[in-house]
Amino acid sequence: MGRILFFVLLGVGLYVGYRIWRGGQKRSAEMRAPKPSAGGEAMVSCSHCGLNVPRSEALAEGDRWYCSDAHRRLANTGR
């Protein structure tokens, strides 16, 4: 009976140790992952290529938005 109890307790100890170890891995992975900001930023679509960019990085001309100065110039030349 003593051997059986030993192996049962050993199994329970290994299981608990494994669960603790796995829980630590999940927490460390969560801490490494970037967290989305609560505020978020409005996105606008480039009038030339359709790429979505944050409004703070986009270039506005009239009521149109562009992802880069090159696309703003290309749109103005009619290409």
PDB file of N, CA and C in Angstrom:
ATOM      1  N   MET A   1       0.824  -1.196   0.000  1.00  0.00           N
ATOM      2  CA  MET A   1       0.000   0.000   0.000  1.00  0.00           C
ATOM      3  C   MET A   1       0.866   1.257   0.000  1.00  0.00           C
ATOM      4  N   GLY A   2       2.036   1.178   0.619  1.00  0.00           N
ATOM      5  CA  GLY A   2       2.921   2.329   0.695  1.00  0.00           C
ATOM      6  C   GLY A   2       3.457   2.746  -0.659  1.00  0.00           C
ATOM      7  N   ARG A   3       3.754   1.766  -1.525  1.00  0.00           N
ATOM      8  CA  ARG A   3       4.265   2.076  -2.862  1.00  0.00           C
ATOM      9  C   ARG A   3       3.199   2.767  -3.704  1.00  0.00           C
ATOM     10  N   ILE A   4       1.985   2.295  -3.610  1.00  0.00           N
ATOM     11  CA  ILE A   4       0.899   2.883  -4.392  1.00  0.00           C
ATOM     12  C   ILE A   4       0.698   4.341  -3.991  1.00  0.00           C
ATOM     13  N   LEU A   5       0.690   4.609  -2.698  1.00  0.00           N
ATOM     14  CA  LEU A   5       0.533   5.979  -2.216  1.00  0.00           C
ATOM     15  C   LEU A   5       1.681   6.855  -2.700  1.00  0.00           C
ATOM     16  N   PHE A   6       2.888   6.313  -2.687  1.00  0.00           N
ATOM     17  CA  PHE A   6       4.056   7.065  -3.159  1.00  0.00           C
ATOM     18  C   PHE A   6       3.878   7.475  -4.621  1.00  0.00           C
ATOM     19  N   PHE A   7       3.481   6.515  -5.468  1.00  0.00           N
ATOM     20  CA  PHE A   7       3.333   6.818  -6.892  1.00  0.00           C
ATOM     21  C   PHE A   7       2.157   7.762  -7.161  1.00  0.00           C
ATOM     22  N   VAL A   8       1.094   7.650  -6.389  1.00  0.00           N
ATOM     23  CA  VAL A   8      -0.031   8.571  -6.536  1.00  0.00           C
ATOM     24  C   VAL A   8       0.412   9.981  -6.176  1.00  0.00           C
ATOM     25  N   LEU A   9       1.103  10.121  -5.047  1.00  0.00           N
ATOM     26  CA  LEU A   9       1.583  11.442  -4.641  1.00  0.00           C
ATOM     27  C   LEU A   9       2.621  11.988  -5.623  1.00  0.00           C
ATOM     28  N   LEU A  10       3.466  11.128  -6.148  1.00  0.00           N
ATOM     29  CA  LEU A  10       4.452  11.542  -7.141  1.00  0.00           C
ATOM     30  C   LEU A  10       3.745  12.053  -8.404  1.00  0.00           C
ATOM     31  N   GLY A  11       2.728  11.330  -8.855  1.00  0.00           N
ATOM     32  CA  GLY A  11       1.967  11.743 -10.033  1.00  0.00           C
ATOM     33  C   GLY A  11       1.270  13.073  -9.813  1.00  0.00           C
ATOM     34  N   VAL A  12       0.663  13.244  -8.644  1.00  0.00           N
ATOM     35  CA  VAL A  12      -0.016  14.502  -8.328  1.00  0.00           C
ATOM     36  C   VAL A  12       1.004  15.641  -8.280  1.00  0.00           C
ATOM     37  N   GLY A  13       2.151  15.409  -7.680  1.00  0.00           N
ATOM     38  CA  GLY A  13       3.192  16.433  -7.605  1.00  0.00           C
ATOM     39  C   GLY A  13       3.710  16.823  -8.978  1.00  0.00           C
ATOM     40  N   LEU A  14       3.912  15.832  -9.845  1.00  0.00           N
ATOM     41  CA  LEU A  14       4.370  16.132 -11.199  1.00  0.00           C
ATOM     42  C   LEU A  14       3.305  16.921 -11.982  1.00  0.00           C
ATOM     43  N   TYR A  15       2.060  16.546 -11.816  1.00  0.00           N
ATOM     44  CA  TYR A  15       0.976  17.251 -12.497  1.00  0.00           C
ATOM     45  C   TYR A  15       0.894  18.710 -12.031  1.00  0.00           C
ATOM     46  N   VAL A  16       0.953  18.932 -10.734  1.00  0.00           N
ATOM     47  CA  VAL A  16       0.885  20.292 -10.190  1.00  0.00           C
ATOM     48  C   VAL A  16       2.091  21.109 -10.661  1.00  0.00           C
ATOM     49  N   GLY A  17       3.266  20.499 -10.649  1.00  0.00           N
ATOM     50  CA  GLY A  17       4.466  21.185 -11.125  1.00  0.00           C
ATOM     51  C   GLY A  17       4.353  21.564 -12.600  1.00  0.00           C
ATOM     52  N   TYR A  18       3.814  20.651 -13.404  1.00  0.00           N
ATOM     53  CA  TYR A  18       3.626  20.923 -14.827  1.00  0.00           C
ATOM     54  C   TYR A  18       2.654  22.077 -15.036  1.00  0.00           C
ATOM     55  N   ARG A  19       1.553  22.078 -14.309  1.00  0.00           N
ATOM     56  CA  ARG A  19       0.564  23.150 -14.450  1.00  0.00           C
ATOM     57  C   ARG A  19       1.155  24.504 -14.048  1.00  0.00           C
ATOM     58  N   ILE A  20       1.946  24.524 -13.014  1.00  0.00           N
ATOM     59  CA  ILE A  20       2.590  25.772 -12.589  1.00  0.00           C
ATOM     60  C   ILE A  20       3.574  26.243 -13.656  1.00  0.00           C
ATOM     61  N   TRP A  21       4.351  25.306 -14.194  1.00  0.00           N
ATOM     62  CA  TRP A  21       5.330  25.642 -15.231  1.00  0.00           C
ATOM     63  C   TRP A  21       4.639  26.174 -16.480  1.00  0.00           C
ATOM     64  N   ARG A  22       3.556  25.533 -16.934  1.00  0.00           N
ATOM     65  CA  ARG A  22       2.826  25.981 -18.118  1.00  0.00           C
ATOM     66  C   ARG A  22       2.156  27.338 -17.881  1.00  0.00           C
ATOM     67  N   GLY A  23       1.665  27.560 -16.691  1.00  0.00           N
ATOM     68  CA  GLY A  23       1.046  28.847 -16.373  1.00  0.00           C
ATOM     69  C   GLY A  23       2.062  29.974 -16.457  1.00  0.00           C
ATOM     70  N   GLY A  24       3.287  29.725 -16.040  1.00  0.00           N
ATOM     71  CA  GLY A  24       4.343  30.723 -16.128  1.00  0.00           C
ATOM     72  C   GLY A  24       4.713  31.036 -17.562  1.00  0.00           C
ATOM     73  N   GLN A  25       4.688  30.027 -18.428  1.00  0.00           N
ATOM     74  CA  GLN A  25       4.990  30.255 -19.837  1.00  0.00           C
ATOM     75  C   GLN A  25       3.919  31.106 -20.483  1.00  0.00           C
ATOM     76  N   LYS A  26       2.667  30.843 -20.163  1.00  0.00           N
ATOM     77  CA  LYS A  26       1.580  31.621 -20.755  1.00  0.00           C
ATOM     78  C   LYS A  26       1.648  33.067 -20.307  1.00  0.00           C
ATOM     79  N   ARG A  27       1.933  33.300 -19.041  1.00  0.00           N
ATOM     80  CA  ARG A  27       2.020  34.673 -18.545  1.00  0.00           C
ATOM     81  C   ARG A  27       3.169  35.420 -19.189  1.00  0.00           C
ATOM     82  N   SER A  28       4.316  34.757 -19.356  1.00  0.00           N
ATOM     83  CA  SER A  28       5.453  35.457 -19.957  1.00  0.00           C
ATOM     84  C   SER A  28       5.179  35.754 -21.430  1.00  0.00           C
ATOM     85  N   ALA A  29       4.459  34.878 -22.122  1.00  0.00           N
ATOM     86  CA  ALA A  29       4.104  35.139 -23.515  1.00  0.00           C
ATOM     87  C   ALA A  29       3.131  36.311 -23.602  1.00  0.00           C
ATOM     88  N   GLU A  30       2.210  36.399 -22.657  1.00  0.00           N
ATOM     89  CA  GLU A  30       1.263  37.508 -22.653  1.00  0.00           C
ATOM     90  C   GLU A  30       1.970  38.831 -22.383  1.00  0.00           C
ATOM     91  N   MET A  31       3.005  38.807 -21.565  1.00  0.00           N
ATOM     92  CA  MET A  31       3.716  40.045 -21.246  1.00  0.00           C
ATOM     93  C   MET A  31       4.545  40.509 -22.436  1.00  0.00           C
ATOM     94  N   ARG A  32       5.004  39.593 -23.287  1.00  0.00           N
ATOM     95  CA  ARG A  32       5.782  39.973 -24.455  1.00  0.00           C
ATOM     96  C   ARG A  32       4.912  40.508 -25.578  1.00  0.00           C
ATOM     97  N   ALA A  33       3.668  40.065 -25.656  1.00  0.00           N
ATOM     98  CA  ALA A  33       2.783  40.483 -26.744  1.00  0.00           C
ATOM     99  C   ALA A  33       2.404  41.951 -26.576  1.00  0.00           C
ATOM    100  N   PRO A  34       2.427  42.702 -27.671  1.00  0.00           N
ATOM    101  CA  PRO A  34       2.023  44.107 -27.566  1.00  0.00           C
ATOM    102  C   PRO A  34       0.537  44.214 -27.253  1.00  0.00           C
ATOM    103  N   LYS A  35       0.211  45.126 -26.394  1.00  0.00           N
ATOM    104  CA  LYS A  35      -1.174  45.328 -26.006  1.00  0.00           C
ATOM    105  C   LYS A  35      -1.774  46.439 -26.859  1.00  0.00           C
ATOM    106  N   PRO A  36      -2.964  46.218 -27.388  1.00  0.00           N
ATOM    107  CA  PRO A  36      -3.587  47.272 -28.194  1.00  0.00           C
ATOM    108  C   PRO A  36      -3.949  48.463 -27.317  1.00  0.00           C
ATOM    109  N   SER A  37      -3.797  49.635 -27.879  1.00  0.00           N
ATOM    110  CA  SER A  37      -4.123  50.825 -27.108  1.00  0.00           C
ATOM    111  C   SER A  37      -5.631  50.972 -27.011  1.00  0.00           C
ATOM    112  N   ALA A  38      -6.076  51.509 -25.906  1.00  0.00           N
ATOM    113  CA  ALA A  38      -7.513  51.647 -25.678  1.00  0.00           C
ATOM    114  C   ALA A  38      -8.092  52.740 -26.571  1.00  0.00           C
ATOM    115  N   GLY A  39      -7.300  53.769 -26.863  1.00  0.00           N
ATOM    116  CA  GLY A  39      -7.804  54.888 -27.639  1.00  0.00           C
ATOM    117  C   GLY A  39      -7.974  54.570 -29.107  1.00  0.00           C
ATOM    118  N   GLY A  40      -7.047  53.845 -29.689  1.00  0.00           N
ATOM    119  CA  GLY A  40      -7.106  53.553 -31.112  1.00  0.00           C
ATOM    120  C   GLY A  40      -7.000  54.830 -31.941  1.00  0.00           C
ATOM    121  N   GLU A  41      -6.662  54.682 -33.194  1.00  0.00           N
ATOM    122  CA  GLU A  41      -6.520  55.850 -34.053  1.00  0.00           C
ATOM    123  C   GLU A  41      -7.317  55.619 -35.326  1.00  0.00           C
ATOM    124  N   ALA A  42      -7.899  56.665 -35.836  1.00  0.00           N
ATOM    125  CA  ALA A  42      -8.687  56.571 -37.068  1.00  0.00           C
ATOM    126  C   ALA A  42      -7.764  56.249 -38.235  1.00  0.00           C
ATOM    127  N   MET A  43      -8.234  55.393 -39.116  1.00  0.00           N
ATOM    128  CA  MET A  43      -7.486  55.016 -40.305  1.00  0.00           C
ATOM    129  C   MET A  43      -8.148  55.663 -41.516  1.00  0.00           C
ATOM    130  N   VAL A  44      -7.326  56.020 -42.497  1.00  0.00           N
ATOM    131  CA  VAL A  44      -7.831  56.561 -43.752  1.00  0.00           C
ATOM    132  C   VAL A  44      -7.232  55.750 -44.896  1.00  0.00           C
ATOM    133  N   SER A  45      -7.900  55.728 -46.011  1.00  0.00           N
ATOM    134  CA  SER A  45      -7.465  54.964 -47.172  1.00  0.00           C
ATOM    135  C   SER A  45      -6.778  55.887 -48.169  1.00  0.00           C
ATOM    136  N   CYS A  46      -5.634  55.447 -48.676  1.00  0.00           N
ATOM    137  CA  CYS A  46      -4.907  56.219 -49.688  1.00  0.00           C
ATOM    138  C   CYS A  46      -5.762  56.284 -50.950  1.00  0.00           C
ATOM    139  N   SER A  47      -5.944  57.476 -51.489  1.00  0.00           N
ATOM    140  CA  SER A  47      -6.767  57.659 -52.691  1.00  0.00           C
ATOM    141  C   SER A  47      -6.099  57.094 -53.934  1.00  0.00           C
ATOM    142  N   HIS A  48      -4.798  56.834 -53.886  1.00  0.00           N
ATOM    143  CA  HIS A  48      -4.089  56.311 -55.050  1.00  0.00           C
ATOM    144  C   HIS A  48      -4.033  54.783 -55.042  1.00  0.00           C
ATOM    145  N   CYS A  49      -3.584  54.182 -53.925  1.00  0.00           N
ATOM    146  CA  CYS A  49      -3.388  52.725 -53.890  1.00  0.00           C
ATOM    147  C   CYS A  49      -4.366  51.983 -52.984  1.00  0.00           C
ATOM    148  N   GLY A  50      -5.084  52.698 -52.126  1.00  0.00           N
ATOM    149  CA  GLY A  50      -6.059  52.055 -51.252  1.00  0.00           C
ATOM    150  C   GLY A  50      -5.502  51.566 -49.934  1.00  0.00           C
ATOM    151  N   LEU A  51      -4.218  51.772 -49.677  1.00  0.00           N
ATOM    152  CA  LEU A  51      -3.609  51.339 -48.422  1.00  0.00           C
ATOM    153  C   LEU A  51      -4.212  52.099 -47.250  1.00  0.00           C
ATOM    154  N   ASN A  52      -4.533  51.386 -46.185  1.00  0.00           N
ATOM    155  CA  ASN A  52      -5.038  52.036 -44.973  1.00  0.00           C
ATOM    156  C   ASN A  52      -3.864  52.459 -44.101  1.00  0.00           C
ATOM    157  N   VAL A  53      -3.850  53.720 -43.723  1.00  0.00           N
ATOM    158  CA  VAL A  53      -2.787  54.274 -42.875  1.00  0.00           C
ATOM    159  C   VAL A  53      -3.424  55.080 -41.745  1.00  0.00           C
ATOM    160  N   PRO A  54      -2.730  55.196 -40.612  1.00  0.00           N
ATOM    161  CA  PRO A  54      -3.261  56.041 -39.538  1.00  0.00           C
ATOM    162  C   PRO A  54      -3.375  57.481 -40.013  1.00  0.00           C
ATOM    163  N   ARG A  55      -4.409  58.145 -39.573  1.00  0.00           N
ATOM    164  CA  ARG A  55      -4.657  59.520 -40.020  1.00  0.00           C
ATOM    165  C   ARG A  55      -3.478  60.434 -39.694  1.00  0.00           C
ATOM    166  N   SER A  56      -2.803  60.186 -38.567  1.00  0.00           N
ATOM    167  CA  SER A  56      -1.677  61.044 -38.179  1.00  0.00           C
ATOM    168  C   SER A  56      -0.491  60.898 -39.125  1.00  0.00           C
ATOM    169  N   GLU A  57      -0.401  59.782 -39.869  1.00  0.00           N
ATOM    170  CA  GLU A  57       0.712  59.558 -40.797  1.00  0.00           C
ATOM    171  C   GLU A  57       0.332  59.862 -42.242  1.00  0.00           C
ATOM    172  N   ALA A  58      -0.945  60.041 -42.516  1.00  0.00           N
ATOM    173  CA  ALA A  58      -1.401  60.267 -43.888  1.00  0.00           C
ATOM    174  C   ALA A  58      -1.231  61.725 -44.287  1.00  0.00           C
ATOM    175  N   LEU A  59      -1.163  61.941 -45.585  1.00  0.00           N
ATOM    176  CA  LEU A  59      -1.063  63.288 -46.142  1.00  0.00           C
ATOM    177  C   LEU A  59      -2.413  63.651 -46.744  1.00  0.00           C
ATOM    178  N   ALA A  60      -2.939  64.801 -46.347  1.00  0.00           N
ATOM    179  CA  ALA A  60      -4.243  65.237 -46.839  1.00  0.00           C
ATOM    180  C   ALA A  60      -4.076  66.279 -47.921  1.00  0.00           C
ATOM    181  N   GLU A  61      -4.925  66.168 -48.938  1.00  0.00           N
ATOM    182  CA  GLU A  61      -5.003  67.204 -49.963  1.00  0.00           C
ATOM    183  C   GLU A  61      -6.471  67.320 -50.343  1.00  0.00           C
ATOM    184  N   GLY A  62      -7.071  68.406 -49.901  1.00  0.00           N
ATOM    185  CA  GLY A  62      -8.512  68.557 -50.094  1.00  0.00           C
ATOM    186  C   GLY A  62      -9.239  67.526 -49.235  1.00  0.00           C
ATOM    187  N   ASP A  63     -10.116  66.768 -49.873  1.00  0.00           N
ATOM    188  CA  ASP A  63     -10.836  65.733 -49.129  1.00  0.00           C
ATOM    189  C   ASP A  63     -10.244  64.348 -49.371  1.00  0.00           C
ATOM    190  N   ARG A  64      -9.058  64.290 -49.965  1.00  0.00           N
ATOM    191  CA  ARG A  64      -8.398  63.015 -50.256  1.00  0.00           C
ATOM    192  C   ARG A  64      -7.196  62.810 -49.337  1.00  0.00           C
ATOM    193  N   TRP A  65      -6.909  61.523 -49.060  1.00  0.00           N
ATOM    194  CA  TRP A  65      -5.783  61.146 -48.201  1.00  0.00           C
ATOM    195  C   TRP A  65      -4.815  60.291 -48.998  1.00  0.00           C
ATOM    196  N   TYR A  66      -3.518  60.428 -48.679  1.00  0.00           N
ATOM    197  CA  TYR A  66      -2.479  59.676 -49.378  1.00  0.00           C
ATOM    198  C   TYR A  66      -1.511  59.079 -48.368  1.00  0.00           C
ATOM    199  N   CYS A  67      -0.955  57.903 -48.729  1.00  0.00           N
ATOM    200  CA  CYS A  67      -0.016  57.227 -47.822  1.00  0.00           C
ATOM    201  C   CYS A  67       1.382  57.800 -47.933  1.00  0.00           C
ATOM    202  N   SER A  68       1.714  58.454 -49.032  1.00  0.00           N
ATOM    203  CA  SER A  68       3.047  59.033 -49.205  1.00  0.00           C
ATOM    204  C   SER A  68       2.968  60.244 -50.129  1.00  0.00           C
ATOM    205  N   ASP A  69       4.027  61.018 -50.117  1.00  0.00           N
ATOM    206  CA  ASP A  69       4.084  62.199 -50.978  1.00  0.00           C
ATOM    207  C   ASP A  69       4.144  61.779 -52.444  1.00  0.00           C
ATOM    208  N   ALA A  70       4.797  60.644 -52.735  1.00  0.00           N
ATOM    209  CA  ALA A  70       4.885  60.157 -54.109  1.00  0.00           C
ATOM    210  C   ALA A  70       3.484  59.845 -54.654  1.00  0.00           C
ATOM    211  N   HIS A  71       2.644  59.220 -53.861  1.00  0.00           N
ATOM    212  CA  HIS A  71       1.284  58.915 -54.322  1.00  0.00           C
ATOM    213  C   HIS A  71       0.450  60.185 -54.446  1.00  0.00           C
ATOM    214  N   ARG A  72       0.704  61.152 -53.598  1.00  0.00           N
ATOM    215  CA  ARG A  72      -0.022  62.425 -53.715  1.00  0.00           C
ATOM    216  C   ARG A  72       0.351  63.100 -55.042  1.00  0.00           C
ATOM    217  N   ARG A  73       1.648  63.082 -55.371  1.00  0.00           N
ATOM    218  CA  ARG A  73       2.085  63.695 -56.630  1.00  0.00           C
ATOM    219  C   ARG A  73       1.576  62.926 -57.836  1.00  0.00           C
ATOM    220  N   LEU A  74       1.589  61.589 -57.768  1.00  0.00           N
ATOM    221  CA  LEU A  74       1.093  60.785 -58.891  1.00  0.00           C
ATOM    222  C   LEU A  74      -0.398  61.028 -59.131  1.00  0.00           C
ATOM    223  N   ALA A  75      -1.147  61.177 -58.077  1.00  0.00           N
ATOM    224  CA  ALA A  75      -2.586  61.419 -58.232  1.00  0.00           C
ATOM    225  C   ALA A  75      -2.837  62.780 -58.872  1.00  0.00           C
ATOM    226  N   ASN A  76      -1.986  63.761 -58.587  1.00  0.00           N
ATOM    227  CA  ASN A  76      -2.157  65.097 -59.148  1.00  0.00           C
ATOM    228  C   ASN A  76      -1.732  65.169 -60.619  1.00  0.00           C
ATOM    229  N   THR A  77      -0.851  64.265 -61.048  1.00  0.00           N
ATOM    230  CA  THR A  77      -0.406  64.267 -62.450  1.00  0.00           C
ATOM    231  C   THR A  77      -1.342  63.450 -63.319  1.00  0.00           C
ATOM    232  N   GLY A  78      -2.278  62.711 -62.709  1.00  0.00           N
ATOM    233  CA  GLY A  78      -3.251  61.955 -63.483  1.00  0.00           C
ATOM    234  C   GLY A  78      -2.803  60.566 -63.876  1.00  0.00           C
ATOM    235  N   ARG A  79      -1.767  60.029 -63.281  1.00  0.00           N
ATOM    236  CA  ARG A  79      -1.294  58.687 -63.613  1.00  0.00           C
ATOM    237  C   ARG A  79      -1.959  57.636 -62.790  1.00  0.00           C
TER     238      ARG A  79
END
